[in-house]
Amino acid sequence: MEASPRIVMVANARIPSERAHPLQIMHMAAGFASGGATVLLAYARRANTEAMRSVSDPFEYAGVRKTFALVGIPTVDAIKRVTIDWPLLNLGPFRLAAHLLQLWSFAIAALTLVRRWRPNVVYSRDLLPLTVLRMLLGQPARFGFEVHTVPRSRLSAALHLWAARRMDAVIAITEGLRGWYLDAGFDPQRLFVAPDAVDLRAFASRDREAARSRLEIPGNAPVVCYLGHLYPWKGVDTLVEAARHAAPDVQWVVVGGISPDLDRIRAAAADLPNVHVMGHLPPDEARLYLVAADVAVIPFSGRQVIAREHTSPLKLFEYMAAERPIIASDLPSLREVLDHERNALLVAPDDPSALAAAVTRLLADSALAARLAQAARLEVESRTWTQRAAAIREFLESTPAS
């Protein structure tokens, strides 16, 4: 492989988006570029939400430098029509047909673009487009598939593994995902674990008082912050219940989420004046609430495997970079990064009283809070997007061609 390869990243995602994975993809493109590669990020040009249509600069929104090319690929996008515009058609067969039409049209359009670009590396979180490119590209290139979740049914798992075995490398974000592949008989030499990362530049300033001044939060108010989406497995329902167990002066700030999950959490917290559900905010505004907080929480539920074994949440590394003491659910996925009493407090998942007790403990013990926060910040300094991209690129170069 050349010293400065041409890398195409293929993303069947809306950019910009309220969701975390397009932000992760943008940061990875910048990470590859910072290592000297020439990078093209090809994404699906799809119907977007009103809030995202108002974003004039996706690079500025994501907080990444313009070090790579960003190209939207046209697709046959019937998903918004079926799911939103024509709700009578929002049924299983129509919804599935719309998704498949969009996915295949994206894959074919990506093939045309990638052929012209002649990359050394093709990298994606989307296995079907990546497989189409692998089978039809007709040019030598290394293929890397980054996996964030696994199929549920036997048939989809069999198809998934058939396709994954045609990749040069599979990059898993957790050891739990790596274990799934090993249990399925996957070649361990083609498996690499790379947890997510953070842009430390976004937390160059960690001034709590300045952040509170901008947000008009009283300086003496105890604040607990959660950043992220509000899917049931994220455990924010547990956070709301924990607020009922904690002292009423503790302010719980929930930043992120879109409907219908946002509606669910707002309804659950409607009778709690100390729970503030902010909804989706641009990343730089969301981080301001984190910097203003006294405690940051990750209350993931233990009821779903994605939370227990498959997630490497961006918010975790942002919490660490913000140098705020962390309380998190005691789950294998989070224990890959967090150690109880060393860089975080770990509590039983789905237990509001345990979460409330840990919050009370940290708010009362400033020395413990500072020690945990400082340990987490020191550790996260080796978990940047540039370092992650370099490790993945080195692994791709070292694996034998499939």
Protein backbone atom coordinates (compact mmCIF):
# COMPACT_ATOMS: atom_id res chain seq x y z
CA MET A 1 0.00 0.00 0.00
CA GLU A 2 1.21 3.51 -0.79
CA ALA A 3 2.56 5.69 2.01
CA SER A 4 -0.26 8.19 1.42
CA PRO A 5 -3.23 6.14 0.24
CA ARG A 6 -6.46 7.27 -1.33
CA ILE A 7 -9.28 6.29 1.03
CA VAL A 8 -12.96 6.28 0.14
CA MET A 9 -15.40 6.12 3.01
CA VAL A 10 -18.92 5.08 2.01
CA ALA A 11 -21.77 6.13 4.30
CA ASN A 12 -25.43 5.40 3.65
CA ALA A 13 -26.37 8.16 6.08
CA ARG A 14 -27.84 11.63 6.15
CA ILE A 15 -25.16 14.29 6.56
CA PRO A 16 -25.67 16.41 8.56
CA SER A 17 -27.85 14.50 11.02
CA GLU A 18 -29.12 14.62 14.59
CA ARG A 19 -27.79 11.11 15.07
CA ALA A 20 -24.36 10.21 16.41
CA HIS A 21 -23.10 7.88 13.68
CA PRO A 22 -22.76 10.53 10.92
CA LEU A 23 -20.69 12.59 13.37
CA GLN A 24 -18.53 9.55 14.03
CA ILE A 25 -18.05 9.00 10.30
CA MET A 26 -17.07 12.64 9.74
CA HIS A 27 -14.51 12.47 12.54
CA MET A 28 -13.07 9.25 11.15
CA ALA A 29 -12.66 10.83 7.71
CA ALA A 30 -10.79 13.71 9.35
CA GLY A 31 -8.74 11.20 11.34
CA PHE A 32 -7.63 9.35 8.20
CA ALA A 33 -6.81 12.66 6.52
CA SER A 34 -4.74 13.84 9.48
CA GLY A 35 -2.56 10.75 8.98
CA GLY A 36 -1.65 11.87 5.46
CA ALA A 37 -4.30 10.07 3.42
CA THR A 38 -6.35 11.66 0.66
CA VAL A 39 -9.91 10.99 1.76
CA LEU A 40 -13.29 11.09 0.03
CA LEU A 41 -16.42 10.63 2.14
CA ALA A 42 -19.35 9.63 -0.08
CA TYR A 43 -22.72 9.85 1.68
CA ALA A 44 -26.35 9.33 0.68
CA ARG A 45 -28.15 12.43 -0.51
CA ARG A 46 -31.51 11.86 1.19
CA ALA A 47 -34.48 13.85 2.42
CA ASN A 48 -33.43 15.55 5.63
CA THR A 49 -35.22 17.06 8.60
CA GLU A 50 -36.08 20.73 8.75
CA ALA A 51 -33.46 21.37 11.43
CA MET A 52 -30.71 19.72 9.41
CA ARG A 53 -31.71 21.46 6.17
CA SER A 54 -30.88 24.73 7.91
CA VAL A 55 -27.26 23.64 8.47
CA SER A 56 -25.17 25.52 5.91
CA ASP A 57 -21.79 23.89 6.65
CA PRO A 58 -21.73 20.20 7.67
CA PHE A 59 -18.03 20.46 8.57
CA GLU A 60 -18.66 23.30 11.00
CA TYR A 61 -21.70 21.52 12.44
CA ALA A 62 -19.70 18.33 13.08
CA GLY A 63 -16.72 20.27 14.39
CA VAL A 64 -14.22 18.82 11.91
CA ARG A 65 -11.72 20.53 9.65
CA LYS A 66 -12.19 20.56 5.88
CA THR A 67 -9.36 18.13 5.24
CA PHE A 68 -11.32 15.67 3.09
CA ALA A 69 -13.78 15.72 0.21
CA LEU A 70 -17.46 15.35 1.07
CA VAL A 71 -19.70 14.21 -1.80
CA GLY A 72 -23.42 13.47 -1.69
CA ILE A 73 -24.57 10.55 -3.84
CA PRO A 74 -28.11 10.66 -5.27
CA THR A 75 -30.37 7.76 -4.30
CA VAL A 76 -33.95 6.69 -4.89
CA ASP A 77 -35.17 7.87 -1.51
CA ALA A 78 -38.72 6.73 -0.75
CA ILE A 79 -38.12 6.27 2.98
CA LYS A 80 -39.39 9.71 4.04
CA ARG A 81 -42.41 9.32 1.75
CA VAL A 82 -43.41 6.01 3.28
CA THR A 83 -42.61 6.74 6.92
CA ILE A 84 -43.67 10.41 7.19
CA ASP A 85 -45.38 11.88 4.13
CA TRP A 86 -47.74 8.98 3.43
CA PRO A 87 -48.34 7.40 6.88
CA LEU A 88 -50.95 4.98 5.49
CA LEU A 89 -48.09 3.22 3.70
CA ASN A 90 -45.94 3.01 6.84
CA LEU A 91 -46.42 -0.75 7.02
CA GLY A 92 -43.87 -3.54 7.10
CA PRO A 93 -43.77 -4.51 3.39
CA PHE A 94 -43.82 -0.93 2.08
CA ARG A 95 -41.28 0.25 4.62
CA LEU A 96 -38.96 -2.65 3.82
CA ALA A 97 -39.31 -2.06 0.07
CA ALA A 98 -38.48 1.64 0.52
CA HIS A 99 -35.37 0.85 2.55
CA LEU A 100 -34.15 -1.77 0.08
CA LEU A 101 -34.72 0.54 -2.89
CA GLN A 102 -32.77 3.32 -1.24
CA LEU A 103 -29.98 0.99 -0.13
CA TRP A 104 -29.45 -0.66 -3.51
CA SER A 105 -29.65 2.59 -5.46
CA PHE A 106 -27.03 4.04 -3.10
CA ALA A 107 -24.77 1.02 -3.57
CA ILE A 108 -24.90 1.25 -7.37
CA ALA A 109 -24.33 5.00 -7.38
CA ALA A 110 -21.39 4.55 -4.97
CA LEU A 111 -19.87 1.99 -7.34
CA THR A 112 -19.78 4.54 -10.17
CA LEU A 113 -18.09 7.15 -7.97
CA VAL A 114 -15.56 4.78 -6.40
CA ARG A 115 -14.52 3.40 -9.79
CA ARG A 116 -13.62 6.91 -10.90
CA TRP A 117 -11.70 7.64 -7.72
CA ARG A 118 -9.57 4.43 -7.78
CA PRO A 119 -8.91 4.18 -4.02
CA ASN A 120 -6.37 2.08 -2.17
CA VAL A 121 -8.81 1.60 0.72
CA VAL A 122 -12.61 1.41 0.81
CA TYR A 123 -14.04 1.75 4.32
CA SER A 124 -17.61 1.70 5.58
CA ARG A 125 -20.05 0.91 8.37
CA ASP A 126 -22.57 -0.26 5.71
CA LEU A 127 -21.96 -3.87 4.74
CA LEU A 128 -24.25 -4.23 1.71
CA PRO A 129 -22.82 -1.29 -0.29
CA LEU A 130 -19.34 -2.40 0.74
CA THR A 131 -20.02 -5.93 -0.53
CA VAL A 132 -21.35 -4.63 -3.85
CA LEU A 133 -18.16 -2.59 -4.24
CA ARG A 134 -15.99 -5.56 -3.33
CA MET A 135 -17.69 -7.81 -5.88
CA LEU A 136 -18.00 -5.34 -8.76
CA LEU A 137 -15.27 -2.70 -8.41
CA GLY A 138 -12.72 -4.51 -10.58
CA GLN A 139 -9.81 -2.58 -9.04
CA PRO A 140 -7.34 -3.63 -6.34
CA ALA A 141 -8.21 -2.08 -2.98
CA ARG A 142 -8.31 -3.04 0.68
CA PHE A 143 -11.81 -3.25 2.16
CA GLY A 144 -12.48 -2.47 5.81
CA PHE A 145 -15.87 -2.98 7.44
CA GLU A 146 -16.51 -1.23 10.76
CA VAL A 147 -19.17 -3.05 12.75
CA HIS A 148 -21.34 -1.39 15.40
CA THR A 149 -24.10 -3.99 15.77
CA VAL A 150 -24.92 -7.50 14.59
CA PRO A 151 -27.97 -9.10 12.97
CA ARG A 152 -30.71 -10.66 15.06
CA SER A 153 -32.12 -13.45 12.88
CA ARG A 154 -30.29 -16.57 11.74
CA LEU A 155 -30.80 -15.77 8.07
CA SER A 156 -29.54 -12.20 8.33
CA ALA A 157 -26.60 -13.39 10.45
CA ALA A 158 -25.65 -15.97 7.81
CA LEU A 159 -25.82 -13.35 5.04
CA HIS A 160 -23.89 -10.89 7.18
CA LEU A 161 -21.08 -13.36 7.84
CA TRP A 162 -20.93 -14.38 4.17
CA ALA A 163 -20.37 -10.75 3.24
CA ALA A 164 -18.02 -9.95 6.14
CA ARG A 165 -15.73 -12.82 5.15
CA ARG A 166 -15.14 -11.04 1.84
CA MET A 167 -13.65 -8.04 3.62
CA ASP A 168 -9.94 -7.69 4.30
CA ALA A 169 -10.64 -6.58 7.86
CA VAL A 170 -13.54 -6.20 10.26
CA ILE A 171 -13.12 -3.43 12.82
CA ALA A 172 -15.28 -3.95 15.91
CA ILE A 173 -15.92 -1.14 18.37
CA THR A 174 -16.08 -3.49 21.40
CA GLU A 175 -14.67 -6.80 22.55
CA GLY A 176 -18.27 -8.03 22.76
CA LEU A 177 -18.69 -7.57 19.01
CA ARG A 178 -15.36 -9.25 18.38
CA GLY A 179 -16.53 -12.19 20.49
CA TRP A 180 -19.66 -12.56 18.34
CA TYR A 181 -17.52 -12.95 15.23
CA LEU A 182 -15.15 -15.38 16.94
CA ASP A 183 -18.08 -17.49 18.12
CA ALA A 184 -19.24 -17.62 14.49
CA GLY A 185 -15.86 -18.99 13.39
CA PHE A 186 -14.51 -15.77 11.89
CA ASP A 187 -10.76 -15.54 11.21
CA PRO A 188 -9.29 -13.74 14.26
CA GLN A 189 -6.44 -12.37 12.12
CA ARG A 190 -8.98 -10.22 10.28
CA LEU A 191 -10.61 -8.85 13.45
CA PHE A 192 -9.51 -5.65 15.15
CA VAL A 193 -11.06 -3.85 18.13
CA ALA A 194 -11.08 -0.05 17.97
CA PRO A 195 -13.36 1.74 20.46
CA ASP A 196 -14.66 5.14 19.46
CA ALA A 197 -12.71 8.30 20.21
CA VAL A 198 -12.90 12.05 20.78
CA ASP A 199 -11.66 15.35 19.40
CA LEU A 200 -9.78 16.89 22.31
CA ARG A 201 -9.82 20.30 20.60
CA ALA A 202 -13.54 20.53 21.38
CA PHE A 203 -12.68 20.49 25.09
CA ALA A 204 -9.68 22.81 25.09
CA SER A 205 -11.74 24.97 27.45
CA ARG A 206 -13.31 23.15 30.40
CA ASP A 207 -14.27 26.26 32.35
CA ARG A 208 -17.36 25.32 34.35
CA GLU A 209 -18.10 28.85 35.50
CA ALA A 210 -17.84 30.34 32.00
CA ALA A 211 -20.17 27.65 30.62
CA ARG A 212 -22.71 28.30 33.38
CA SER A 213 -22.57 32.01 32.72
CA ARG A 214 -23.38 31.48 29.03
CA LEU A 215 -26.23 29.10 29.89
CA GLU A 216 -27.47 31.24 32.81
CA ILE A 217 -27.14 28.36 35.26
CA PRO A 218 -26.59 29.46 38.89
CA GLY A 219 -23.05 28.79 40.01
CA ASN A 220 -24.08 26.90 43.15
CA ALA A 221 -26.70 24.64 41.53
CA PRO A 222 -25.73 20.93 41.51
CA VAL A 223 -26.09 19.77 37.89
CA VAL A 224 -26.16 16.24 36.47
CA CYS A 225 -25.89 15.97 32.69
CA TYR A 226 -26.74 13.33 30.09
CA LEU A 227 -25.85 13.80 26.42
CA GLY A 228 -27.18 11.57 23.67
CA HIS A 229 -30.17 9.91 22.16
CA LEU A 230 -33.15 8.70 24.13
CA TYR A 231 -33.77 5.21 22.75
CA PRO A 232 -35.11 2.91 25.49
CA TRP A 233 -31.81 1.03 25.77
CA LYS A 234 -30.03 4.30 26.59
CA GLY A 235 -31.66 4.15 30.04
CA VAL A 236 -32.82 7.76 30.31
CA ASP A 237 -36.11 6.51 31.76
CA THR A 238 -34.00 5.27 34.69
CA LEU A 239 -32.41 8.72 34.95
CA VAL A 240 -35.84 10.33 35.27
CA GLU A 241 -36.79 7.93 38.05
CA ALA A 242 -33.44 8.56 39.75
CA ALA A 243 -34.33 12.25 39.92
CA ARG A 244 -37.27 11.27 42.14
CA HIS A 245 -34.87 9.60 44.59
CA ALA A 246 -32.30 12.41 44.74
CA ALA A 247 -32.46 15.73 46.57
CA PRO A 248 -34.91 18.11 44.87
CA ASP A 249 -32.27 20.82 44.41
CA VAL A 250 -30.23 18.59 42.08
CA GLN A 251 -30.81 19.68 38.47
CA TRP A 252 -30.87 16.89 35.87
CA VAL A 253 -30.20 18.10 32.32
CA VAL A 254 -30.96 15.80 29.37
CA VAL A 255 -29.53 17.00 26.06
CA GLY A 256 -30.39 15.19 22.82
CA GLY A 257 -33.05 13.02 21.29
CA ILE A 258 -35.77 13.38 18.70
CA SER A 259 -39.40 12.23 18.57
CA PRO A 260 -40.91 9.84 19.47
CA ASP A 261 -38.30 9.12 22.17
CA LEU A 262 -38.11 12.79 23.11
CA ASP A 263 -41.87 12.86 23.66
CA ARG A 264 -41.66 9.78 25.89
CA ILE A 265 -38.99 11.27 28.15
CA ARG A 266 -40.69 14.65 28.37
CA ALA A 267 -43.93 12.95 29.41
CA ALA A 268 -42.10 10.88 32.05
CA ALA A 269 -40.46 14.01 33.49
CA ALA A 270 -43.48 16.31 33.21
CA ASP A 271 -44.04 16.44 36.97
CA LEU A 272 -40.36 16.96 37.85
CA PRO A 273 -39.35 20.65 37.77
CA ASN A 274 -35.68 19.74 38.32
CA VAL A 275 -35.46 17.60 35.15
CA HIS A 276 -34.74 19.70 32.07
CA VAL A 277 -35.19 17.89 28.74
CA MET A 278 -33.53 20.11 26.15
CA GLY A 279 -33.98 17.99 23.02
CA HIS A 280 -31.52 17.98 20.16
CA LEU A 281 -28.91 20.74 20.08
CA PRO A 282 -25.94 21.31 17.76
CA PRO A 283 -22.88 19.47 19.10
CA ASP A 284 -21.05 22.61 20.26
CA GLU A 285 -24.10 23.79 22.22
CA ALA A 286 -24.66 20.34 23.72
CA ARG A 287 -21.06 20.20 24.94
CA LEU A 288 -21.58 23.47 26.78
CA TYR A 289 -24.08 21.78 29.11
CA LEU A 290 -21.57 19.01 29.77
CA VAL A 291 -18.84 21.47 30.69
CA ALA A 292 -21.29 23.26 33.00
CA ALA A 293 -22.18 20.04 34.84
CA ASP A 294 -20.91 18.61 38.12
CA VAL A 295 -21.59 14.98 37.16
CA ALA A 296 -22.06 13.19 33.82
CA VAL A 297 -24.12 10.00 33.61
CA ILE A 298 -24.47 7.05 31.24
CA PRO A 299 -27.50 5.13 32.58
CA PHE A 300 -27.65 2.43 29.87
CA SER A 301 -30.14 -0.38 30.35
CA GLY A 302 -28.88 -3.93 30.79
CA ARG A 303 -31.94 -5.42 29.07
CA GLN A 304 -30.62 -5.24 25.50
CA VAL A 305 -27.45 -6.75 24.10
CA ILE A 306 -26.53 -3.57 22.20
CA ALA A 307 -26.10 -1.78 25.54
CA ARG A 308 -24.48 -4.71 27.34
CA GLU A 309 -21.89 -5.67 24.72
CA HIS A 310 -21.99 -3.71 21.46
CA THR A 311 -21.86 0.01 22.15
CA SER A 312 -18.88 2.34 22.36
CA PRO A 313 -20.70 5.62 23.01
CA LEU A 314 -19.23 8.88 21.77
CA LYS A 315 -20.62 10.56 24.87
CA LEU A 316 -18.37 8.44 27.09
CA PHE A 317 -15.20 9.82 25.54
CA GLU A 318 -16.62 13.34 25.52
CA TYR A 319 -17.40 13.02 29.24
CA MET A 320 -13.80 11.94 29.83
CA ALA A 321 -12.41 14.78 27.71
CA ALA A 322 -14.60 17.32 29.53
CA GLU A 323 -13.01 16.16 32.79
CA ARG A 324 -16.31 15.60 34.53
CA PRO A 325 -16.81 12.73 37.00
CA ILE A 326 -18.73 9.88 35.37
CA ILE A 327 -21.42 7.57 36.70
CA ALA A 328 -22.23 4.71 34.33
CA SER A 329 -24.12 1.45 34.27
CA ASP A 330 -22.01 -1.54 35.22
CA LEU A 331 -22.06 -3.28 31.82
CA PRO A 332 -19.35 -5.17 29.90
CA SER A 333 -19.31 -2.65 27.04
CA LEU A 334 -18.60 0.24 29.41
CA ARG A 335 -16.17 -1.74 31.57
CA GLU A 336 -13.90 -1.97 28.51
CA VAL A 337 -13.08 1.68 29.22
CA LEU A 338 -14.25 2.42 32.76
CA ASP A 339 -13.00 1.00 36.06
CA HIS A 340 -15.11 1.37 39.20
CA GLU A 341 -13.57 3.82 41.69
CA ARG A 342 -10.60 4.51 39.37
CA ASN A 343 -12.00 6.64 36.54
CA ALA A 344 -15.76 6.36 37.18
CA LEU A 345 -18.44 5.04 39.49
CA LEU A 346 -20.27 2.01 38.09
CA VAL A 347 -23.79 1.24 39.29
CA ALA A 348 -26.33 -1.50 38.69
CA PRO A 349 -28.20 -0.86 35.44
CA ASP A 350 -31.94 -0.15 35.52
CA ASP A 351 -31.74 0.79 39.22
CA PRO A 352 -32.85 4.41 39.83
CA SER A 353 -32.01 4.34 43.52
CA ALA A 354 -28.44 3.16 42.82
CA LEU A 355 -27.96 5.94 40.27
CA ALA A 356 -29.35 8.55 42.65
CA ALA A 357 -27.12 7.32 45.48
CA ALA A 358 -24.01 7.55 43.29
CA VAL A 359 -24.95 11.10 42.26
CA THR A 360 -25.44 12.07 45.90
CA ARG A 361 -22.06 10.55 46.78
CA LEU A 362 -20.16 12.45 44.09
CA LEU A 363 -21.86 15.76 44.84
CA ALA A 364 -20.91 15.35 48.50
CA ASP A 365 -17.30 14.21 47.91
CA SER A 366 -15.48 16.75 45.77
CA ALA A 367 -12.11 15.02 46.24
CA LEU A 368 -13.46 11.74 44.84
CA ALA A 369 -15.17 13.56 41.97
CA ALA A 370 -11.95 15.39 41.05
CA ARG A 371 -9.86 12.20 41.25
CA LEU A 372 -12.19 10.24 38.97
CA ALA A 373 -12.46 13.11 36.48
CA GLN A 374 -8.71 13.65 36.30
CA ALA A 375 -8.03 9.94 35.78
CA ALA A 376 -10.56 9.78 32.96
CA ARG A 377 -9.16 12.87 31.27
CA LEU A 378 -5.61 11.51 31.42
CA GLU A 379 -6.69 8.22 29.85
CA VAL A 380 -8.74 9.76 27.04
CA GLU A 381 -5.75 11.73 25.76
CA SER A 382 -4.66 8.54 23.97
CA ARG A 383 -8.10 8.01 22.43
CA THR A 384 -8.26 10.62 19.67
CA TRP A 385 -9.72 10.14 16.20
CA THR A 386 -6.27 10.59 14.66
CA GLN A 387 -4.85 7.80 16.82
CA ARG A 388 -7.82 5.55 16.10
CA ALA A 389 -7.57 6.08 12.34
CA ALA A 390 -3.82 5.41 12.41
CA ALA A 391 -4.31 2.13 14.28
CA ILE A 392 -7.02 0.99 11.85
CA ARG A 393 -4.93 1.92 8.83
CA GLU A 394 -1.95 0.01 10.24
CA PHE A 395 -4.12 -3.05 10.79
CA LEU A 396 -5.51 -2.86 7.24
CA GLU A 397 -1.98 -2.71 5.87
CA SER A 398 -0.89 -5.71 7.93
CA THR A 399 -3.74 -8.11 7.09
CA PRO A 400 -3.29 -10.46 4.13
CA ALA A 401 -5.49 -9.68 1.14
CA SER A 402 -8.71 -11.67 1.11
